[in-house]
Amino acid sequence: MPATPPSATPSRLGPPGRDAGERAADRPSPRPPSRLAPAVTLVAMCLGAMTTFLLITASVSALSAIQDDLHVSPTGLVWIPSAYTLLMASLVMSAGTIGNLYGRKRTFLTGAVVLILGSVTVYAAHSTSGVIAGQLVSGLGGALILPNSLAILGAAFPDPHRRTEVVTAWAASSGVGLAVGPIIAGVLLDHFHWNTVFLSTAVLAVVTMAVGAFVAESRSPGGRLDIPGQLLAVVGIAALVYALIEGGHDGYTSGRILTAWVVAFAALTGFVLVERASSAPLLDLSLFRSASFSAVMFVAAVSLFGFTGVAILSVLYYERVQQLSALDVGWRLLAFFGVYVIVAYGTGRVIRRTGFKLPLTLGFLLGAAAAAGFTTLDPHSPYSRVWWLYALFGGASGMVAAPSTAAALVSVSHERAGMASGAVNAFRQVGSVMGSSLLGALLASRLQSHLPDRLGAHHVPRAAWPAVEHAVSTGSGGGAAPPSVTAAVADAFTSGVHAGMAVIAVVFLCAALAAALLVHNRPHHTTASASN
């Protein structure tokens, strides 16, 4: 979901929010006896991160095949990637606490098992509800893997400079997962049923477990789970996502959607009240007294909002409008994901010299320009005309990955770095689920609302309109349609892509403004030195 991966933490900050005595408990116990142990740990954690992000783009690439087979409505289709990122966003902070209490390796491996169960559930599914249920299970597994893989690296590599290198490699592996997801999905869809795409994730998770079994255990006892806060967070985010997705179909003021809005507002309000009263909150709301911290949470969410949104809109555009295969789409998106990986890795290594404002502000401005450029797409736009826009947007997203995490940590005191790290990861996942749900719902709504006008413009007989609209709204279209109908649907679909890209451009401009005006510009070695 979702996603831009969490990026490198400042090199001298150490495991978040604890003093030297507690950090000693963070180190692997017993100490790995082999010189290969650090390399094995790095490989296992990178495999885990890659698997969680690969599932995001692989599942998006399979959407058209799923729709054709299961006759999923455009609204129902949005739920498939959103279900995965929804659970990730809701549970990622508690998953880190579970790892601290019960063992990070144990939690990491449990997450891999759960991810396998979720992928197998989707593989065996013969209905939309089965696919969504499997994605929810997979989201739980991803939430258990993601924060604990990063925490294991922090414990296994106590040297601050070495830790920065391995965490940067971990972040890059997440980008590799995003990049290869569409390629793997495309190859499998060319030869097998769409279910096999999800089985590939299970296979990679098995490999992750096999390598991860040799990783040393680490933990940090002393905290406790904030169960009331966690339950309220899940209910609030789920109700909000439900209202965004289903409201695009039923209308945002319909009875059940209004009920969802009320539930979301009540749950999130309750979350704020519970967190303010808790002695061990899931999210310390006093952190938001820092204008820089609040701005960083916003830009972190926006970065994943746009990244996920562009991925989903692009895959559906090429598969549904230009009728390309999933593999052809995967190759086209390499310019997007590949440049992201390279720039994210490079930016993570230079922000100590550039500070945070420059890459954040410039990245969001370039991303807004690229998103605005995508609004010029038409149903017949050749890839040669837009490949550079994908490269530009990928580079822009890569520029904000590392600075957003580092800026979050220098926006708070050293003792609160752990909470800040968890918060920025959670906000990223919230941005990812908002990108898939809001922009997906906007695309579906725009498609249905503009279709009658486009049918008329392409001189489709009015008597045929109800059948075409029903086929589009239910995903039940099959067989060859007349050229005029195909052109009308392509035009309406493209207008939905334009609307989504325009929203991304506007939100990115807002993020650029927030980064330029509010984010602290202290390179992380400055904060670290001050705390020593």
Protein backbone atom coordinates (compact mmCIF):
# COMPACT_ATOMS: atom_id res chain seq x y z
CA MET A 1 0.00 0.00 0.00
CA PRO A 2 2.14 2.06 -0.14
CA ALA A 3 3.56 2.57 -0.89
CA THR A 4 7.07 4.62 -0.52
CA PRO A 5 9.10 2.56 1.86
CA PRO A 6 10.16 3.93 5.22
CA SER A 7 13.62 5.36 4.80
CA ALA A 8 16.89 5.58 6.62
CA THR A 9 16.90 6.92 10.14
CA PRO A 10 19.57 9.36 11.31
CA SER A 11 22.86 7.62 11.78
CA ARG A 12 23.62 8.58 15.39
CA LEU A 13 20.21 8.45 16.94
CA GLY A 14 20.42 4.75 17.78
CA PRO A 15 17.39 2.61 18.60
CA PRO A 16 14.61 5.09 19.23
CA GLY A 17 13.81 6.70 22.50
CA ARG A 18 15.88 4.75 25.04
CA ASP A 19 18.97 5.39 27.12
CA ALA A 20 22.27 3.54 26.81
CA GLY A 21 21.34 0.85 29.34
CA GLU A 22 18.14 -0.01 27.56
CA ARG A 23 19.89 -0.02 24.20
CA ALA A 24 22.11 -2.82 25.38
CA ALA A 25 19.00 -4.97 25.75
CA ASP A 26 18.22 -4.15 22.12
CA ARG A 27 21.26 -5.90 20.77
CA PRO A 28 20.89 -9.45 19.52
CA SER A 29 21.21 -12.02 22.27
CA PRO A 30 23.17 -14.16 22.11
CA ARG A 31 25.71 -12.38 19.89
CA PRO A 32 25.83 -14.01 16.45
CA PRO A 33 28.77 -16.39 16.38
CA SER A 34 29.45 -16.20 12.66
CA ARG A 35 30.85 -13.40 10.56
CA LEU A 36 28.10 -14.20 8.08
CA ALA A 37 25.39 -13.37 10.61
CA PRO A 38 25.20 -9.62 9.80
CA ALA A 39 24.93 -10.36 6.09
CA VAL A 40 22.25 -13.00 6.69
CA THR A 41 20.32 -10.54 8.87
CA LEU A 42 20.49 -7.84 6.21
CA VAL A 43 19.37 -10.22 3.45
CA ALA A 44 16.45 -11.54 5.51
CA MET A 45 15.19 -8.09 6.46
CA CYS A 46 15.54 -6.79 2.90
CA LEU A 47 13.61 -9.81 1.63
CA GLY A 48 10.86 -9.09 4.15
CA ALA A 49 10.58 -5.44 3.15
CA MET A 50 10.68 -6.33 -0.54
CA THR A 51 7.88 -8.89 -0.11
CA THR A 52 5.53 -6.48 1.64
CA PHE A 53 5.92 -3.83 -1.06
CA LEU A 54 5.97 -6.25 -3.97
CA LEU A 55 2.45 -7.36 -3.04
CA ILE A 56 1.19 -3.78 -3.44
CA THR A 57 2.19 -3.34 -7.09
CA ALA A 58 1.68 -6.99 -8.03
CA SER A 59 -1.93 -6.90 -6.81
CA VAL A 60 -2.55 -3.60 -8.63
CA SER A 61 -1.21 -5.15 -11.85
CA ALA A 62 -3.64 -8.06 -11.49
CA LEU A 63 -6.74 -5.85 -11.07
CA SER A 64 -7.88 -5.99 -14.69
CA ALA A 65 -7.56 -9.79 -14.82
CA ILE A 66 -9.47 -10.08 -11.55
CA GLN A 67 -12.21 -7.80 -12.86
CA ASP A 68 -12.57 -9.78 -16.08
CA ASP A 69 -12.78 -13.10 -14.23
CA LEU A 70 -14.91 -12.15 -11.22
CA HIS A 71 -16.89 -9.30 -12.83
CA VAL A 72 -15.92 -6.86 -10.11
CA SER A 73 -17.46 -3.39 -10.15
CA PRO A 74 -15.07 -0.40 -10.32
CA THR A 75 -15.87 0.36 -6.68
CA GLY A 76 -15.25 -3.23 -5.61
CA LEU A 77 -11.98 -3.20 -7.50
CA VAL A 78 -10.71 -0.32 -5.36
CA TRP A 79 -11.10 -2.48 -2.24
CA ILE A 80 -8.54 -5.07 -3.38
CA PRO A 81 -5.38 -2.94 -2.96
CA SER A 82 -7.00 -0.80 -0.25
CA ALA A 83 -7.73 -3.78 2.02
CA TYR A 84 -4.04 -4.64 2.21
CA THR A 85 -2.83 -1.11 2.93
CA LEU A 86 -5.74 -0.50 5.33
CA LEU A 87 -4.52 -3.18 7.75
CA MET A 88 -0.92 -2.06 7.30
CA ALA A 89 -1.80 1.54 8.17
CA SER A 90 -3.91 0.58 11.17
CA LEU A 91 -1.55 -1.91 12.81
CA VAL A 92 2.01 -0.91 11.95
CA MET A 93 2.63 0.99 15.20
CA SER A 94 1.28 -1.74 17.48
CA ALA A 95 3.25 -4.34 15.52
CA GLY A 96 6.45 -2.61 16.53
CA THR A 97 5.43 -2.74 20.18
CA ILE A 98 4.58 -6.45 19.87
CA GLY A 99 8.06 -7.07 18.53
CA ASN A 100 9.64 -5.15 21.41
CA LEU A 101 7.71 -7.19 23.96
CA TYR A 102 7.71 -10.70 22.52
CA GLY A 103 10.74 -10.71 20.26
CA ARG A 104 11.30 -8.99 16.95
CA LYS A 105 12.48 -12.10 15.12
CA ARG A 106 9.49 -14.06 16.39
CA THR A 107 7.10 -11.30 15.32
CA PHE A 108 8.84 -10.94 11.96
CA LEU A 109 8.56 -14.66 11.23
CA THR A 110 4.96 -14.69 12.41
CA GLY A 111 4.26 -11.88 9.97
CA ALA A 112 5.74 -13.94 7.16
CA VAL A 113 3.49 -16.88 8.10
CA VAL A 114 0.42 -14.62 8.16
CA LEU A 115 1.42 -13.13 4.81
CA ILE A 116 1.63 -16.63 3.37
CA LEU A 117 -1.82 -17.47 4.73
CA GLY A 118 -3.27 -14.31 3.22
CA SER A 119 -1.67 -14.95 -0.17
CA VAL A 120 -2.89 -18.55 -0.22
CA THR A 121 -6.39 -17.33 0.70
CA VAL A 122 -6.40 -15.05 -2.34
CA TYR A 123 -4.94 -17.84 -4.49
CA ALA A 124 -7.86 -20.08 -3.54
CA ALA A 125 -10.50 -17.32 -3.80
CA HIS A 126 -13.34 -17.53 -6.31
CA SER A 127 -15.14 -14.34 -5.30
CA THR A 128 -14.38 -10.69 -4.67
CA SER A 129 -15.03 -11.10 -0.95
CA GLY A 130 -12.50 -13.95 -0.82
CA VAL A 131 -9.86 -11.80 -2.49
CA ILE A 132 -10.50 -8.90 -0.11
CA ALA A 133 -10.44 -11.22 2.92
CA GLY A 134 -7.08 -12.61 1.83
CA GLN A 135 -5.73 -9.10 1.32
CA LEU A 136 -6.79 -8.14 4.84
CA VAL A 137 -4.93 -11.13 6.25
CA SER A 138 -1.88 -10.23 4.17
CA GLY A 139 -2.05 -6.67 5.48
CA LEU A 140 -1.76 -8.00 9.02
CA GLY A 141 1.31 -9.97 8.00
CA GLY A 142 2.86 -6.95 6.31
CA ALA A 143 2.28 -4.83 9.41
CA LEU A 144 4.12 -7.39 11.54
CA ILE A 145 7.04 -7.60 9.12
CA LEU A 146 7.68 -3.96 8.26
CA PRO A 147 8.54 -2.23 11.57
CA ASN A 148 10.24 -5.27 13.05
CA SER A 149 12.53 -5.74 10.07
CA LEU A 150 13.81 -2.21 10.59
CA ALA A 151 14.12 -2.69 14.36
CA ILE A 152 16.08 -5.93 13.88
CA LEU A 153 18.57 -4.08 11.68
CA GLY A 154 18.92 -1.37 14.31
CA ALA A 155 19.74 -3.97 16.94
CA ALA A 156 22.06 -6.03 14.73
CA PHE A 157 24.14 -3.08 13.53
CA PRO A 158 24.99 -0.92 16.56
CA ASP A 159 27.64 1.12 14.73
CA PRO A 160 25.79 4.31 13.63
CA HIS A 161 27.53 4.65 10.27
CA ARG A 162 27.08 1.01 9.35
CA ARG A 163 23.45 1.20 10.49
CA THR A 164 22.76 4.08 8.12
CA GLU A 165 24.17 2.04 5.23
CA VAL A 166 22.10 -1.07 5.95
CA VAL A 167 18.89 0.86 6.56
CA THR A 168 19.40 2.70 3.27
CA ALA A 169 19.81 -0.71 1.59
CA TRP A 170 16.63 -1.88 3.36
CA ALA A 171 14.72 1.13 2.05
CA ALA A 172 16.05 0.52 -1.46
CA SER A 173 14.91 -3.12 -1.28
CA SER A 174 11.39 -1.89 -0.61
CA GLY A 175 11.62 0.10 -3.81
CA VAL A 176 12.92 -2.95 -5.64
CA GLY A 177 9.80 -4.79 -4.50
CA LEU A 178 7.63 -2.04 -5.93
CA ALA A 179 9.57 -2.13 -9.20
CA VAL A 180 9.56 -5.89 -9.80
CA GLY A 181 5.94 -6.42 -8.68
CA PRO A 182 4.42 -5.45 -12.05
CA ILE A 183 7.04 -7.45 -13.96
CA ILE A 184 6.45 -10.62 -11.95
CA ALA A 185 2.68 -10.15 -12.21
CA GLY A 186 2.92 -9.56 -15.94
CA VAL A 187 5.00 -12.69 -16.58
CA LEU A 188 2.64 -14.85 -14.52
CA LEU A 189 -0.51 -13.37 -16.07
CA ASP A 190 0.87 -14.13 -19.53
CA HIS A 191 1.05 -17.85 -18.68
CA PHE A 192 -1.21 -18.57 -15.71
CA HIS A 193 -4.40 -17.57 -13.93
CA TRP A 194 -4.41 -14.30 -11.96
CA ASN A 195 -4.46 -16.23 -8.63
CA THR A 196 -0.85 -17.25 -9.28
CA VAL A 197 0.28 -13.64 -8.85
CA PHE A 198 -0.54 -13.87 -5.16
CA LEU A 199 1.03 -17.30 -4.81
CA SER A 200 4.33 -15.74 -5.89
CA THR A 201 4.22 -13.57 -2.79
CA ALA A 202 3.77 -16.65 -0.62
CA VAL A 203 6.81 -18.27 -2.24
CA LEU A 204 8.94 -15.19 -1.55
CA ALA A 205 7.68 -15.11 2.04
CA VAL A 206 8.77 -18.75 2.47
CA VAL A 207 12.26 -17.81 1.29
CA THR A 208 12.22 -14.89 3.73
CA MET A 209 11.36 -17.24 6.58
CA ALA A 210 14.10 -19.68 5.61
CA VAL A 211 16.74 -16.94 5.74
CA GLY A 212 15.17 -15.20 8.74
CA ALA A 213 15.39 -18.37 10.82
CA PHE A 214 19.13 -17.71 11.20
CA VAL A 215 18.65 -14.15 12.51
CA ALA A 216 19.37 -13.47 16.20
CA GLU A 217 16.45 -12.53 18.45
CA SER A 218 16.20 -9.07 20.01
CA ARG A 219 13.61 -7.28 22.11
CA SER A 220 13.10 -4.23 24.28
CA PRO A 221 10.83 -5.12 27.22
CA GLY A 222 9.14 -2.54 29.38
CA GLY A 223 6.39 -1.12 27.17
CA ARG A 224 2.82 -2.29 26.79
CA LEU A 225 0.19 -2.48 24.09
CA ASP A 226 -2.36 0.31 23.87
CA ILE A 227 -5.33 -1.93 23.03
CA PRO A 228 -8.12 0.70 23.33
CA GLY A 229 -6.16 3.11 21.15
CA GLN A 230 -5.43 0.40 18.60
CA LEU A 231 -9.07 -0.70 18.34
CA LEU A 232 -10.26 2.88 17.90
CA ALA A 233 -7.61 3.51 15.25
CA VAL A 234 -8.68 0.44 13.25
CA VAL A 235 -12.38 1.34 13.45
CA GLY A 236 -11.75 4.98 12.60
CA ILE A 237 -9.50 4.35 9.61
CA ALA A 238 -11.69 1.51 8.31
CA ALA A 239 -14.86 3.61 8.53
CA LEU A 240 -13.12 6.50 6.79
CA VAL A 241 -11.88 4.30 3.96
CA TYR A 242 -15.32 2.69 3.63
CA ALA A 243 -16.95 6.11 3.31
CA LEU A 244 -14.42 7.24 0.71
CA ILE A 245 -14.71 4.14 -1.46
CA GLU A 246 -18.42 3.37 -1.23
CA GLY A 247 -19.39 7.05 -1.24
CA GLY A 248 -18.05 7.35 -4.78
CA HIS A 249 -20.74 4.87 -5.83
CA ASP A 250 -23.65 5.56 -3.48
CA GLY A 251 -23.11 9.29 -2.97
CA TYR A 252 -21.30 10.81 -0.02
CA THR A 253 -24.56 11.92 1.63
CA SER A 254 -26.43 8.61 1.39
CA GLY A 255 -27.65 7.02 4.62
CA ARG A 256 -25.04 4.32 5.10
CA ILE A 257 -22.21 6.62 4.02
CA LEU A 258 -23.32 9.27 6.52
CA THR A 259 -23.30 6.53 9.15
CA ALA A 260 -19.74 5.64 8.17
CA TRP A 261 -18.68 9.29 8.46
CA VAL A 262 -20.19 9.46 11.95
CA VAL A 263 -18.47 6.23 13.01
CA ALA A 264 -15.13 7.47 11.65
CA PHE A 265 -15.46 10.81 13.42
CA ALA A 266 -16.53 9.21 16.71
CA ALA A 267 -13.76 6.58 16.63
CA LEU A 268 -11.00 9.04 15.74
CA THR A 269 -12.24 11.51 18.35
CA GLY A 270 -12.24 8.68 20.87
CA PHE A 271 -8.72 7.79 19.77
CA VAL A 272 -7.53 11.32 20.51
CA LEU A 273 -9.15 11.30 23.96
CA VAL A 274 -7.78 7.85 24.84
CA GLU A 275 -4.27 8.72 23.68
CA ARG A 276 -4.24 11.95 25.68
CA ALA A 277 -5.22 10.07 28.84
CA SER A 278 -2.98 7.02 28.35
CA SER A 279 0.31 6.61 30.22
CA ALA A 280 1.66 4.50 27.34
CA PRO A 281 -0.09 5.84 24.23
CA LEU A 282 0.04 4.29 20.80
CA LEU A 283 0.75 7.81 19.49
CA ASP A 284 1.87 10.62 21.80
CA LEU A 285 -0.25 13.50 20.57
CA SER A 286 1.97 16.05 22.28
CA LEU A 287 4.44 15.46 19.45
CA PHE A 288 2.13 17.47 17.22
CA ARG A 289 2.86 20.60 19.24
CA SER A 290 5.92 20.83 17.01
CA ALA A 291 4.90 22.52 13.77
CA SER A 292 7.79 20.79 12.02
CA PHE A 293 6.68 17.35 13.22
CA SER A 294 3.07 17.99 12.12
CA ALA A 295 4.28 19.15 8.71
CA VAL A 296 6.47 16.08 8.32
CA MET A 297 3.54 13.78 9.10
CA PHE A 298 1.57 15.56 6.40
CA VAL A 299 4.31 15.34 3.77
CA ALA A 300 5.01 11.69 4.65
CA ALA A 301 1.35 10.82 4.07
CA VAL A 302 1.23 12.87 0.86
CA SER A 303 4.31 11.14 -0.57
CA LEU A 304 2.62 7.72 -0.36
CA PHE A 305 -0.74 9.16 -1.39
CA GLY A 306 0.73 10.31 -4.69
CA PHE A 307 3.02 7.33 -5.19
CA THR A 308 0.23 4.78 -4.73
CA GLY A 309 -2.22 6.91 -6.69
CA VAL A 310 0.00 7.28 -9.75
CA ALA A 311 0.73 3.53 -9.73
CA ILE A 312 -2.94 2.54 -9.61
CA LEU A 313 -4.14 5.14 -12.11
CA SER A 314 -1.35 4.27 -14.55
CA VAL A 315 -1.90 0.50 -14.41
CA LEU A 316 -5.64 0.86 -14.96
CA TYR A 317 -5.12 3.42 -17.74
CA TYR A 318 -2.77 1.20 -19.72
CA GLU A 319 -4.72 -1.99 -19.12
CA ARG A 320 -8.24 -0.61 -19.51
CA VAL A 321 -7.79 2.26 -21.96
CA GLN A 322 -4.86 1.14 -24.13
CA GLN A 323 -5.63 -2.58 -23.68
CA LEU A 324 -2.03 -3.52 -22.89
CA SER A 325 -1.03 -6.72 -21.14
CA ALA A 326 0.13 -6.61 -17.53
CA LEU A 327 3.69 -7.41 -18.63
CA ASP A 328 3.73 -4.54 -21.12
CA VAL A 329 2.48 -2.24 -18.38
CA GLY A 330 5.15 -3.50 -16.00
CA TRP A 331 7.93 -2.64 -18.43
CA ARG A 332 6.50 0.85 -18.91
CA LEU A 333 6.38 1.49 -15.18
CA LEU A 334 10.04 0.57 -14.73
CA ALA A 335 10.89 4.19 -15.54
CA PHE A 336 8.77 5.16 -12.54
CA PHE A 337 9.88 2.57 -9.99
CA GLY A 338 13.46 2.19 -11.18
CA VAL A 339 14.28 5.89 -10.95
CA TYR A 340 12.58 5.99 -7.56
CA VAL A 341 14.92 3.29 -6.19
CA ILE A 342 18.04 5.03 -7.48
CA VAL A 343 17.10 8.51 -6.28
CA ALA A 344 15.82 7.31 -2.88
CA TYR A 345 19.09 5.51 -2.25
CA GLY A 346 21.16 8.51 -3.33
CA THR A 347 19.11 11.04 -1.36
CA GLY A 348 19.39 8.95 1.80
CA ARG A 349 23.16 9.24 1.57
CA VAL A 350 23.39 13.01 0.96
CA ILE A 351 20.75 14.57 3.22
CA ARG A 352 23.32 15.14 5.96
CA ARG A 353 24.82 17.73 3.60
CA THR A 354 21.70 19.12 1.93
CA GLY A 355 19.39 19.26 4.93
CA PHE A 356 15.71 18.43 4.61
CA LYS A 357 13.96 21.44 3.11
CA LEU A 358 15.65 21.35 -0.30
CA PRO A 359 14.95 17.71 -1.28
CA LEU A 360 11.46 17.77 0.25
CA THR A 361 10.38 21.02 -1.38
CA LEU A 362 12.01 20.29 -4.73
CA GLY A 363 10.71 16.73 -4.75
CA PHE A 364 7.11 17.76 -4.21
CA LEU A 365 7.34 20.56 -6.78
CA LEU A 366 8.73 18.17 -9.40
CA GLY A 367 6.12 15.58 -8.48
CA ALA A 368 3.34 18.16 -8.88
CA ALA A 369 4.68 19.11 -12.31
CA ALA A 370 4.81 15.46 -13.41
CA ALA A 371 1.28 14.78 -12.12
CA ALA A 372 0.02 17.86 -13.97
CA GLY A 373 1.71 16.54 -17.10
CA PHE A 374 -0.26 13.29 -16.82
CA THR A 375 -3.50 15.27 -17.21
CA THR A 376 -2.58 15.68 -20.91
CA LEU A 377 -2.92 11.96 -21.55
CA ASP A 378 -5.48 10.87 -24.10
CA PRO A 379 -6.59 7.33 -24.96
CA HIS A 380 -3.96 7.09 -27.69
CA SER A 381 -0.97 8.81 -26.06
CA PRO A 382 2.21 6.89 -27.02
CA TYR A 383 4.56 5.88 -24.23
CA SER A 384 7.37 7.76 -25.96
CA ARG A 385 5.54 10.96 -25.06
CA VAL A 386 5.18 10.29 -21.34
CA TRP A 387 8.06 8.03 -20.22
CA TRP A 388 9.97 11.05 -18.92
CA LEU A 389 6.99 12.03 -16.77
CA TYR A 390 7.16 8.63 -15.05
CA ALA A 391 10.90 9.03 -14.54
CA LEU A 392 10.35 12.55 -13.17
CA PHE A 393 7.62 11.45 -10.76
CA GLY A 394 9.68 8.46 -9.61
CA GLY A 395 12.68 10.69 -8.97
CA ALA A 396 10.53 13.23 -7.15
CA SER A 397 9.09 10.51 -4.89
CA GLY A 398 12.58 9.20 -4.21
CA MET A 399 13.74 12.66 -3.15
CA VAL A 400 11.21 12.83 -0.29
CA ALA A 401 11.60 9.27 1.07
CA ALA A 402 14.67 9.63 3.28
CA PRO A 403 14.25 13.31 4.32
CA SER A 404 10.73 12.77 5.63
CA THR A 405 11.86 10.15 8.16
CA ALA A 406 15.00 12.03 9.16
CA ALA A 407 13.07 15.30 9.51
CA ALA A 408 10.50 13.62 11.75
CA LEU A 409 13.21 12.46 14.11
CA VAL A 410 14.95 15.83 14.42
CA SER A 411 11.60 17.55 15.00
CA VAL A 412 11.30 15.93 18.44
CA SER A 413 13.57 15.25 21.40
CA HIS A 414 15.99 12.32 21.22
CA GLU A 415 13.98 10.38 23.81
CA ARG A 416 10.90 10.48 21.56
CA ALA A 417 12.66 9.35 18.39
CA GLY A 418 11.09 5.87 18.64
CA MET A 419 7.56 7.26 18.75
CA ALA A 420 8.39 9.65 15.89
CA SER A 421 9.74 6.82 13.73
CA GLY A 422 6.62 4.73 14.30
CA ALA A 423 4.38 7.70 13.61
CA VAL A 424 6.00 8.60 10.29
CA ASN A 425 5.72 4.98 9.12
CA ALA A 426 2.06 4.88 10.16
CA PHE A 427 1.28 8.15 8.39
CA ARG A 428 2.95 6.85 5.25
CA GLN A 429 0.69 3.82 5.27
CA VAL A 430 -2.35 6.02 5.92
CA GLY A 431 -1.33 8.05 2.87
CA SER A 432 -1.03 4.85 0.85
CA VAL A 433 -4.51 3.62 1.74
CA MET A 434 -5.92 7.10 1.09
CA GLY A 435 -4.24 7.10 -2.32
CA SER A 436 -5.77 3.79 -3.33
CA SER A 437 -9.20 4.45 -1.82
CA LEU A 438 -9.80 8.13 -2.57
CA LEU A 439 -8.25 8.23 -6.03
CA GLY A 440 -9.70 4.85 -6.95
CA ALA A 441 -13.16 5.99 -5.86
CA LEU A 442 -12.71 9.26 -7.78
CA LEU A 443 -11.78 7.33 -10.91
CA ALA A 444 -14.81 5.03 -10.59
CA SER A 445 -17.16 7.96 -9.92
CA ARG A 446 -15.81 10.03 -12.80
CA LEU A 447 -16.04 7.06 -15.16
CA GLN A 448 -19.71 6.50 -14.38
CA SER A 449 -20.71 10.17 -14.38
CA HIS A 450 -18.96 11.03 -17.68
CA LEU A 451 -19.93 7.88 -19.54
CA PRO A 452 -23.36 9.09 -20.79
CA ASP A 453 -21.84 12.25 -22.24
CA ARG A 454 -19.09 10.30 -24.00
CA LEU A 455 -21.55 7.74 -25.35
CA GLY A 456 -23.47 10.59 -26.91
CA ALA A 457 -20.33 12.19 -28.30
CA HIS A 458 -19.39 8.93 -30.03
CA HIS A 459 -22.92 8.52 -31.45
CA VAL A 460 -23.74 5.33 -29.58
CA PRO A 461 -27.50 4.70 -29.96
CA ARG A 462 -29.31 5.83 -26.83
CA ALA A 463 -31.10 2.48 -26.59
CA ALA A 464 -27.72 0.83 -25.95
CA TRP A 465 -26.70 3.21 -23.14
CA PRO A 466 -28.32 1.31 -20.23
CA ALA A 467 -26.59 -1.96 -21.17
CA VAL A 468 -23.20 -0.24 -21.51
CA GLU A 469 -23.60 1.64 -18.21
CA HIS A 470 -24.66 -1.54 -16.43
CA ALA A 471 -21.69 -3.47 -17.83
CA VAL A 472 -19.27 -0.73 -16.70
CA SER A 473 -20.80 -0.28 -13.24
CA THR A 474 -20.84 -4.01 -12.49
CA GLY A 475 -17.66 -5.04 -14.30
CA SER A 476 -19.69 -7.61 -16.22
CA GLY A 477 -18.77 -6.55 -19.72
CA GLY A 478 -17.57 -9.35 -21.93
CA GLY A 479 -16.90 -9.99 -25.58
CA ALA A 480 -16.01 -7.48 -28.27
CA ALA A 481 -17.80 -4.14 -28.02
CA PRO A 482 -18.48 -1.86 -31.01
CA PRO A 483 -15.62 0.61 -31.64
CA SER A 484 -17.84 3.55 -30.69
CA VAL A 485 -18.60 2.02 -27.27
CA THR A 486 -14.94 1.18 -26.67
CA ALA A 487 -13.92 4.75 -27.54
CA ALA A 488 -16.58 6.24 -25.27
CA VAL A 489 -15.54 4.11 -22.30
CA ALA A 490 -11.87 4.95 -22.94
CA ASP A 491 -12.66 8.67 -22.96
CA ALA A 492 -14.65 8.45 -19.73
CA PHE A 493 -11.95 6.35 -18.08
CA THR A 494 -9.26 8.82 -19.14
CA SER A 495 -11.23 11.70 -17.64
CA GLY A 496 -11.14 9.83 -14.33
CA VAL A 497 -7.37 9.44 -14.63
CA HIS A 498 -7.09 13.19 -15.31
CA ALA A 499 -9.12 13.98 -12.19
CA GLY A 500 -6.93 11.77 -10.02
CA MET A 501 -3.69 13.21 -11.39
CA ALA A 502 -4.97 16.75 -10.85
CA VAL A 503 -5.71 15.96 -7.20
CA ILE A 504 -2.19 14.57 -6.77
CA ALA A 505 -0.68 17.72 -8.32
CA VAL A 506 -2.61 20.02 -5.97
CA VAL A 507 -1.82 17.96 -2.86
CA PHE A 508 1.87 17.83 -3.80
CA LEU A 509 1.94 21.62 -4.13
CA CYS A 510 0.47 21.90 -0.62
CA ALA A 511 3.14 19.51 0.66
CA ALA A 512 5.89 21.58 -0.99
CA LEU A 513 4.59 24.68 0.76
CA ALA A 514 4.45 22.89 4.13
CA ALA A 515 7.99 21.57 3.68
CA ALA A 516 9.40 24.96 2.72
CA LEU A 517 7.74 26.89 5.55
CA LEU A 518 7.51 24.50 8.50
CA VAL A 519 10.01 21.64 8.34
CA HIS A 520 13.23 22.07 10.33
CA ASN A 521 16.31 21.96 8.16
CA ARG A 522 18.82 20.45 10.58
CA PRO A 523 20.95 17.67 9.10
CA HIS A 524 20.70 14.63 11.35
CA HIS A 525 24.33 14.67 12.49
CA THR A 526 23.66 18.05 14.09
CA THR A 527 20.89 16.69 16.26
CA ALA A 528 22.86 13.61 17.07
CA SER A 529 25.85 15.59 18.17
CA ALA A 530 23.75 17.77 20.36
CA SER A 531 22.34 14.75 22.11
CA ASN A 532 25.66 13.12 22.84
